[in-house]
Amino acid sequence: MTAGTPARPAADSRSGELVALRSTAGVALVTATVLASMVGFLDAFMVNVAVPAIAVDLDASVSQLQWVLTGYLVTVAALLLLAGSLADHFGRRTILVTGLLVMLVASVGCAAAEGVTTLVIARLVQGVGGALVVPSSLAMLNGSLRTADRARGIGLWAGLSTLGSTFGPYGGGWLVDHASWRYVFLLNIPIILGALLVLTRVPEPTRTPRPLSLDLLGAVPAVAGLGGVIYALTEGPERGWGDPLVQLAAIVGIVGLAVLVPLEQRRRNPLLRTELFRSRQFDAINGATLLFYGALAAASYLVVLQCELQLGYSATDAGAALIPESVVFLLVSPFVGGLVNRTGTRWPMAIGILIVAVGFVWLSAVERGDSYASAILPGAVLWGLGIGLAVAPLTAGVLAAVDDADLGEASAINDASSRVGGVVMVALVPVLIGAGSARGLAESLRDGFPVAMLVMAGLCAAAAVLTVVFVSRDRTPHRRLPAASPRVAVCLLPDAAVRTDRRTP
């Protein structure tokens, strides 16, 4: 299908062609990817409401609690690029199903954990499954829909996926208050089973699989680099920044990340294909993603902790505190795909990120004794409006910079940017609020919460500036892949957020 050719009718699951959004296969596709995304969200962030209960039940220290949170995030971020490569080779549906099954088993392991160490190990395994699910689900959505339907499909995916963030923390908090924190890890099992069932109705387009690249030489510095940095940030407040093991981990992490790109440039089949970064659009959106999603992850954690440990909310109430943010997101995001078609990605994305920054500034003033309606609700509404505007253009823009054969890897890189940002900023929370071996989370939040939330607002402002300066404001083709990869050049056009222009090699 060329850029100027009308889209063909939706095909059934046997033909393997692209499907229309308004078709049985299209509905099944959106449903399956939404459910998979919900699972990823629940495993990443729903544990926030259970942190105080886990600390009491398992007698966990601040650093141990951080590993319960970041263990999943580190594994996902470290393995995303490899998972994207696997999805492009074996098929996105195959890898998605595998990842969901791994998450199913690991969730049971988390619920049955008898100690912090066992819980952290189970969370690491959950992260392996999450790494397989995250890039393959969005790449499957974008690569299976007709090109004219992709922006609207992404908008629907973004909006409906937020149902997990709307009711998940509330449901998890209710389970913590009325049963046990262990049931929080079982809440996603019905969603996993539902996704697996719906996936049987989803076709996968016929395509030429990319050669399998198990670039272990590239995977080692990626894992060691991210793991070393996160270990240093997590253990530093507890052990002390002068601890030899903390310093060694920091050095290993920095060196690993520093050598990754030069090493990958010399590989024949690299884990990280550096030619994807020749697009200024691709680079800028991934940089903004790193900052923006890092701020979102840390702010979510901070607000829940502030509600429980400073404002005296129950786990249920803390889980419900940000429901308005999710509701506004749900209402706004399905309509943003059409806005992207008319205006391009720059301004909706930048304005949305700035609105989130304003919401964080408002929330930074929340303190003991404040009412919910005046202190938290306005910030939550601004937060939801901002991400509702920003997510669809961000996602459509970054996927528009690569060809269809590279959607898995491009999605993995963008997801890696968001996950790396999230895990680094969540790991930095104890540092920002001054928690450690001498001060617990509750005591540290009293003085540290406002500063930490203002830092998150600053990260959002930096992401918005990056977007305005470097992301193209027009809707003309902004990049084509190098001649060595001429299969599909993807660009933003007036009548579709993602349109393909197929050429023969």
Foldseek 3Di string as FASTA:
>chain_A
DAQPDDDDAADFQVQQAAYACPDPQNVLLLLLLLLLLLLLVLLQALCLLVLVVCCVQQVDAQLLSLLLRLLLLLLLLLCLLLLLLVCLAVNLLVLQLVLLVQLLVLLLQLLPDPHSVSNSVSSNSNSPSSSNNQLSSLLQSQLRHAQLCNLLSLLLSQLSSLVSLQCLQLVCLVCVVPPNNSCSSVPSNVSSVVSVVSSVRHHHHDDDGDDRDPPPVLSVLSSLQLVLLLVLLSCCQAVNNPDPSSVVSNVSNVVSVVCNVVVQVPDPRGSADCLLVPFLLLVLLLLLLLLQLLLVLQVLSLQLCCCVQFQPDRSNVSSNLLSLLSVLLSVQRSPLSLVCLAWNQQPLQLVLLLLLLVLLLQQLPDGHPDDSVRRRVVSSNSNSNSCSSRVSRSVLRQQLQAFSSSSSSSSSSSVSSSSSSNSSSSSNVCVQLVDYNVHGPSVSCNPRSSRSSNVSSVSSNVSSVSSNPRHDGDQDARDAGPPVDQAWRWGGDNSGSTGIRGDDD
